[in-house]
PDB file of N, CA and C in Angstrom:
ATOM      1  N   MET A   1       0.705  -1.358   0.375  1.00  0.00           N
ATOM      2  CA  MET A   1      -0.013   0.035  -0.294  1.00  0.00           C
ATOM      3  C   MET A   1       0.926   1.289   0.026  1.00  0.00           C
ATOM      4  N   ILE A   2       2.037   1.439   0.953  1.00  0.00           N
ATOM      5  CA  ILE A   2       2.572   2.483   0.592  1.00  0.00           C
ATOM      6  C   ILE A   2       3.476   2.762  -0.077  1.00  0.00           C
ATOM      7  N   SER A   3       3.627   1.415  -1.076  1.00  0.00           N
ATOM      8  CA  SER A   3       4.676   1.684  -2.225  1.00  0.00           C
ATOM      9  C   SER A   3       3.649   2.164  -3.302  1.00  0.00           C
ATOM     10  N   LEU A   4       2.678   2.088  -3.369  1.00  0.00           N
ATOM     11  CA  LEU A   4       1.741   2.722  -4.242  1.00  0.00           C
ATOM     12  C   LEU A   4       1.767   4.255  -4.097  1.00  0.00           C
ATOM     13  N   ILE A   5       1.536   4.498  -2.577  1.00  0.00           N
ATOM     14  CA  ILE A   5       1.293   6.094  -2.730  1.00  0.00           C
ATOM     15  C   ILE A   5       2.613   6.824  -2.938  1.00  0.00           C
ATOM     16  N   VAL A   6       3.877   6.027  -2.491  1.00  0.00           N
ATOM     17  CA  VAL A   6       4.940   6.532  -3.308  1.00  0.00           C
ATOM     18  C   VAL A   6       5.309   6.837  -4.425  1.00  0.00           C
ATOM     19  N   VAL A   7       4.856   5.934  -5.472  1.00  0.00           N
ATOM     20  CA  VAL A   7       4.898   6.006  -6.614  1.00  0.00           C
ATOM     21  C   VAL A   7       3.472   6.937  -7.244  1.00  0.00           C
ATOM     22  N   LEU A   8       2.734   6.939  -6.300  1.00  0.00           N
ATOM     23  CA  LEU A   8       1.905   8.451  -6.635  1.00  0.00           C
ATOM     24  C   LEU A   8       2.144   9.321  -6.702  1.00  0.00           C
ATOM     25  N   ALA A   9       3.147   9.608  -5.620  1.00  0.00           N
ATOM     26  CA  ALA A   9       3.439  11.094  -5.102  1.00  0.00           C
ATOM     27  C   ALA A   9       4.502  11.763  -5.905  1.00  0.00           C
ATOM     28  N   ILE A  10       5.373  10.460  -6.613  1.00  0.00           N
ATOM     29  CA  ILE A  10       6.571  10.539  -7.415  1.00  0.00           C
ATOM     30  C   ILE A  10       5.633  11.194  -8.991  1.00  0.00           C
ATOM     31  N   VAL A  11       4.702  10.875  -9.237  1.00  0.00           N
ATOM     32  CA  VAL A  11       4.362  10.939 -10.795  1.00  0.00           C
ATOM     33  C   VAL A  11       3.770  11.924 -10.444  1.00  0.00           C
ATOM     34  N   ILE A  12       2.846  12.288  -9.126  1.00  0.00           N
ATOM     35  CA  ILE A  12       2.226  13.784  -9.318  1.00  0.00           C
ATOM     36  C   ILE A  12       3.266  14.621  -9.023  1.00  0.00           C
ATOM     37  N   SER A  13       4.599  14.566  -8.544  1.00  0.00           N
ATOM     38  CA  SER A  13       5.489  15.404  -8.141  1.00  0.00           C
ATOM     39  C   SER A  13       6.026  16.297  -9.823  1.00  0.00           C
ATOM     40  N   ILE A  14       6.353  15.040 -10.165  1.00  0.00           N
ATOM     41  CA  ILE A  14       6.859  15.565 -11.770  1.00  0.00           C
ATOM     42  C   ILE A  14       5.621  15.901 -12.666  1.00  0.00           C
ATOM     43  N   ALA A  15       4.469  15.196 -12.502  1.00  0.00           N
ATOM     44  CA  ALA A  15       3.209  16.445 -13.236  1.00  0.00           C
ATOM     45  C   ALA A  15       3.197  17.858 -12.598  1.00  0.00           C
ATOM     46  N   LEU A  16       3.306  18.048 -11.440  1.00  0.00           N
ATOM     47  CA  LEU A  16       3.295  19.807 -10.925  1.00  0.00           C
ATOM     48  C   LEU A  16       4.488  19.924 -11.121  1.00  0.00           C
ATOM     49  N   GLY A  17       5.427  19.883 -11.459  1.00  0.00           N
ATOM     50  CA  GLY A  17       6.847  20.308 -11.748  1.00  0.00           C
ATOM     51  C   GLY A  17       6.832  20.531 -13.191  1.00  0.00           C
ATOM     52  N   TYR A  18       6.350  19.801 -13.943  1.00  0.00           N
ATOM     53  CA  TYR A  18       6.225  20.039 -15.515  1.00  0.00           C
ATOM     54  C   TYR A  18       4.899  21.162 -15.840  1.00  0.00           C
ATOM     55  N   LYS A  19       4.229  20.900 -14.856  1.00  0.00           N
ATOM     56  CA  LYS A  19       2.855  22.017 -15.229  1.00  0.00           C
ATOM     57  C   LYS A  19       3.316  23.465 -14.608  1.00  0.00           C
ATOM     58  N   THR A  20       3.963  23.483 -13.750  1.00  0.00           N
ATOM     59  CA  THR A  20       3.981  24.763 -13.097  1.00  0.00           C
ATOM     60  C   THR A  20       5.416  25.098 -13.551  1.00  0.00           C
ATOM     61  N   LYS A  21       6.408  24.927 -13.724  1.00  0.00           N
ATOM     62  CA  LYS A  21       7.832  25.179 -13.644  1.00  0.00           C
ATOM     63  C   LYS A  21       8.206  25.247 -12.709  1.00  0.00           C
ATOM     64  N   ILE A  22       8.321  24.336 -11.380  1.00  0.00           N
ATOM     65  CA  ILE A  22       8.549  25.105 -10.525  1.00  0.00           C
ATOM     66  C   ILE A  22       9.583  23.677 -10.331  1.00  0.00           C
ATOM     67  N   ASN A  23      10.959  23.659  -9.659  1.00  0.00           N
ATOM     68  CA  ASN A  23      11.565  22.514  -9.246  1.00  0.00           C
ATOM     69  C   ASN A  23      10.775  21.327  -8.881  1.00  0.00           C
ATOM     70  N   THR A  24      10.797  20.391  -9.337  1.00  0.00           N
ATOM     71  CA  THR A  24      10.127  19.053  -8.652  1.00  0.00           C
ATOM     72  C   THR A  24      10.388  18.520  -7.316  1.00  0.00           C
ATOM     73  N   GLY A  25      12.283  18.895  -6.782  1.00  0.00           N
ATOM     74  CA  GLY A  25      12.281  18.616  -6.009  1.00  0.00           C
ATOM     75  C   GLY A  25      11.647  18.866  -4.562  1.00  0.00           C
ATOM     76  N   PHE A  26      10.839  20.368  -4.837  1.00  0.00           N
ATOM     77  CA  PHE A  26      10.109  21.010  -4.217  1.00  0.00           C
ATOM     78  C   PHE A  26       8.915  20.788  -3.564  1.00  0.00           C
ATOM     79  N   PHE A  27       8.227  19.833  -4.645  1.00  0.00           N
ATOM     80  CA  PHE A  27       6.942  18.944  -4.448  1.00  0.00           C
ATOM     81  C   PHE A  27       7.194  17.448  -3.794  1.00  0.00           C
ATOM     82  N   ALA A  28       8.752  16.672  -4.331  1.00  0.00           N
ATOM     83  CA  ALA A  28       8.854  15.733  -3.750  1.00  0.00           C
ATOM     84  C   ALA A  28       9.313  15.856  -2.411  1.00  0.00           C
ATOM     85  N   ILE A  29       9.761  16.944  -1.978  1.00  0.00           N
ATOM     86  CA  ILE A  29      10.305  16.840  -0.502  1.00  0.00           C
ATOM     87  C   ILE A  29       8.968  17.296   0.483  1.00  0.00           C
ATOM     88  N   SER A  30       8.277  18.188  -0.360  1.00  0.00           N
ATOM     89  CA  SER A  30       6.564  17.965   0.388  1.00  0.00           C
ATOM     90  C   SER A  30       5.578  16.787   0.686  1.00  0.00           C
ATOM     91  N   PHE A  31       6.131  16.325  -0.438  1.00  0.00           N
ATOM     92  CA  PHE A  31       5.283  14.649  -0.233  1.00  0.00           C
ATOM     93  C   PHE A  31       6.075  13.719   0.988  1.00  0.00           C
ATOM     94  N   ALA A  32       7.530  13.814   0.394  1.00  0.00           N
ATOM     95  CA  ALA A  32       8.216  13.086   1.755  1.00  0.00           C
ATOM     96  C   ALA A  32       7.687  12.956   3.004  1.00  0.00           C
ATOM     97  N   TYR A  33       7.594  14.527   3.202  1.00  0.00           N
ATOM     98  CA  TYR A  33       6.947  15.150   4.464  1.00  0.00           C
ATOM     99  C   TYR A  33       5.849  14.462   4.889  1.00  0.00           C
ATOM    100  N   ILE A  34       4.852  14.876   4.120  1.00  0.00           N
ATOM    101  CA  ILE A  34       3.239  14.090   4.456  1.00  0.00           C
ATOM    102  C   ILE A  34       3.465  12.693   4.630  1.00  0.00           C
ATOM    103  N   ILE A  35       4.135  12.344   3.210  1.00  0.00           N
ATOM    104  CA  ILE A  35       3.972  10.895   3.868  1.00  0.00           C
ATOM    105  C   ILE A  35       4.490   9.995   5.262  1.00  0.00           C
ATOM    106  N   GLY A  36       5.823  10.792   5.335  1.00  0.00           N
ATOM    107  CA  GLY A  36       6.428  10.319   6.893  1.00  0.00           C
ATOM    108  C   GLY A  36       5.742  10.447   7.849  1.00  0.00           C
ATOM    109  N   CYS A  37       4.881  11.818   8.124  1.00  0.00           N
ATOM    110  CA  CYS A  37       4.320  12.438   9.436  1.00  0.00           C
ATOM    111  C   CYS A  37       3.038  11.801   9.233  1.00  0.00           C
ATOM    112  N   PHE A  38       2.056  11.539   8.035  1.00  0.00           N
ATOM    113  CA  PHE A  38       0.663  11.233   8.443  1.00  0.00           C
ATOM    114  C   PHE A  38       0.498   9.634   7.884  1.00  0.00           C
ATOM    115  N   PHE A  39       1.535   8.999   7.052  1.00  0.00           N
ATOM    116  CA  PHE A  39       1.679   7.274   6.803  1.00  0.00           C
ATOM    117  C   PHE A  39       2.307   6.781   7.466  1.00  0.00           C
ATOM    118  N   LEU A  40       3.688   7.232   7.548  1.00  0.00           N
ATOM    119  CA  LEU A  40       4.562   6.333   8.684  1.00  0.00           C
ATOM    120  C   LEU A  40       4.828   6.611   9.694  1.00  0.00           C
ATOM    121  N   ASP A  41       3.844   8.024  10.350  1.00  0.00           N
ATOM    122  CA  ASP A  41       4.026   8.448  11.980  1.00  0.00           C
ATOM    123  C   ASP A  41       5.107   8.570  11.971  1.00  0.00           C
ATOM    124  N   LEU A  42       6.327   9.198  11.538  1.00  0.00           N
ATOM    125  CA  LEU A  42       7.419   9.275  12.144  1.00  0.00           C
ATOM    126  C   LEU A  42       7.616  11.023  12.283  1.00  0.00           C
ATOM    127  N   LYS A  43       8.340  11.205  13.472  1.00  0.00           N
ATOM    128  CA  LYS A  43       8.616  12.781  13.599  1.00  0.00           C
ATOM    129  C   LYS A  43       9.093  13.425  12.686  1.00  0.00           C
ATOM    130  N   THR A  44       8.954  14.820  13.067  1.00  0.00           N
ATOM    131  CA  THR A  44       9.790  15.892  11.896  1.00  0.00           C
ATOM    132  C   THR A  44      11.141  16.237  11.653  1.00  0.00           C
ATOM    133  N   GLY A  45      11.661  15.777  12.772  1.00  0.00           N
ATOM    134  CA  GLY A  45      12.951  15.549  12.751  1.00  0.00           C
ATOM    135  C   GLY A  45      14.015  14.417  12.117  1.00  0.00           C
ATOM    136  N   GLU A  46      12.792  12.855  12.693  1.00  0.00           N
ATOM    137  CA  GLU A  46      13.499  11.801  11.989  1.00  0.00           C
ATOM    138  C   GLU A  46      13.322  12.016  10.648  1.00  0.00           C
ATOM    139  N   ILE A  47      12.134  12.559   9.916  1.00  0.00           N
ATOM    140  CA  ILE A  47      12.297  12.619   8.740  1.00  0.00           C
ATOM    141  C   ILE A  47      12.934  13.535   7.826  1.00  0.00           C
ATOM    142  N   ILE A  48      13.252  14.810   8.274  1.00  0.00           N
ATOM    143  CA  ILE A  48      14.512  15.703   8.006  1.00  0.00           C
ATOM    144  C   ILE A  48      16.263  14.946   7.842  1.00  0.00           C
ATOM    145  N   ASN A  49      15.874  14.118   9.218  1.00  0.00           N
ATOM    146  CA  ASN A  49      17.411  13.302   9.172  1.00  0.00           C
ATOM    147  C   ASN A  49      17.782  11.954   8.252  1.00  0.00           C
ATOM    148  N   MET A  50      16.606  11.961   7.638  1.00  0.00           N
ATOM    149  CA  MET A  50      16.728  11.130   6.353  1.00  0.00           C
ATOM    150  C   MET A  50      16.871  11.806   5.322  1.00  0.00           C
ATOM    151  N   TRP A  51      16.806  12.940   4.804  1.00  0.00           N
ATOM    152  CA  TRP A  51      17.130  13.852   3.764  1.00  0.00           C
ATOM    153  C   TRP A  51      19.026  13.874   3.489  1.00  0.00           C
ATOM    154  N   PRO A  52      19.137  13.768   2.474  1.00  0.00           N
ATOM    155  CA  PRO A  52      20.494  13.832   1.991  1.00  0.00           C
ATOM    156  C   PRO A  52      20.846  15.077   2.048  1.00  0.00           C
ATOM    157  N   ILE A  53      21.169  15.721   3.533  1.00  0.00           N
ATOM    158  CA  ILE A  53      21.442  17.659   3.363  1.00  0.00           C
ATOM    159  C   ILE A  53      22.900  17.360   2.637  1.00  0.00           C
ATOM    160  N   LYS A  54      23.773  16.540   3.281  1.00  0.00           N
ATOM    161  CA  LYS A  54      24.933  16.960   2.689  1.00  0.00           C
ATOM    162  C   LYS A  54      24.880  16.736   1.150  1.00  0.00           C
ATOM    163  N   ILE A  55      24.354  16.174   0.073  1.00  0.00           N
ATOM    164  CA  ILE A  55      24.406  16.200  -1.290  1.00  0.00           C
ATOM    165  C   ILE A  55      23.857  17.857  -1.534  1.00  0.00           C
ATOM    166  N   PHE A  56      22.889  18.655  -1.068  1.00  0.00           N
ATOM    167  CA  PHE A  56      22.044  19.207  -1.073  1.00  0.00           C
ATOM    168  C   PHE A  56      23.181  20.605  -1.044  1.00  0.00           C
ATOM    169  N   PHE A  57      24.469  20.469   0.300  1.00  0.00           N
ATOM    170  CA  PHE A  57      25.657  21.584  -0.207  1.00  0.00           C
ATOM    171  C   PHE A  57      26.426  21.276  -0.979  1.00  0.00           C
ATOM    172  N   VAL A  58      26.780  20.394  -1.529  1.00  0.00           N
ATOM    173  CA  VAL A  58      27.567  19.903  -2.690  1.00  0.00           C
ATOM    174  C   VAL A  58      26.897  20.622  -4.011  1.00  0.00           C
ATOM    175  N   ILE A  59      25.943  20.109  -3.975  1.00  0.00           N
ATOM    176  CA  ILE A  59      25.229  20.434  -5.327  1.00  0.00           C
ATOM    177  C   ILE A  59      25.058  22.470  -5.239  1.00  0.00           C
ATOM    178  N   PHE A  60      24.762  22.830  -4.206  1.00  0.00           N
ATOM    179  CA  PHE A  60      25.002  24.116  -3.830  1.00  0.00           C
ATOM    180  C   PHE A  60      26.334  24.905  -3.797  1.00  0.00           C
ATOM    181  N   ALA A  61      27.273  24.177  -3.763  1.00  0.00           N
ATOM    182  CA  ALA A  61      28.488  24.556  -3.532  1.00  0.00           C
ATOM    183  C   ALA A  61      29.197  24.658  -4.796  1.00  0.00           C
ATOM    184  N   CYS A  62      28.346  23.649  -6.288  1.00  0.00           N
ATOM    185  CA  CYS A  62      29.235  23.361  -7.269  1.00  0.00           C
ATOM    186  C   CYS A  62      28.308  24.721  -8.165  1.00  0.00           C
ATOM    187  N   PHE A  63      27.262  24.976  -8.146  1.00  0.00           N
ATOM    188  CA  PHE A  63      26.591  25.732  -9.070  1.00  0.00           C
ATOM    189  C   PHE A  63      26.497  26.798  -7.990  1.00  0.00           C
ATOM    190  N   ALA A  64      27.010  27.279  -6.738  1.00  0.00           N
ATOM    191  CA  ALA A  64      26.842  28.919  -6.469  1.00  0.00           C
ATOM    192  C   ALA A  64      27.606  30.113  -7.269  1.00  0.00           C
ATOM    193  N   PHE A  65      28.673  29.444  -7.894  1.00  0.00           N
ATOM    194  CA  PHE A  65      29.658  29.833  -8.620  1.00  0.00           C
ATOM    195  C   PHE A  65      29.176  30.508  -9.930  1.00  0.00           C
ATOM    196  N   LEU A  66      28.288  29.651 -10.161  1.00  0.00           N
ATOM    197  CA  LEU A  66      27.952  29.809 -11.834  1.00  0.00           C
ATOM    198  C   LEU A  66      27.109  31.099 -12.100  1.00  0.00           C
TER     199      LEU A  66
END
């Protein structure tokens, strides 16, 4: 059941990103938070700890000077 919800969230994130021209990652992070809190009963801190924050900093560092 949760696998279907995750796949639907990915598809909806891609569709919203394409339709609104907003980065798909923003929608994906929102869905990750919603699924984690309401379907998996995780605390906010637990969800944030699962996100690859170090990768965000590396990507930001690479593209900050462009």
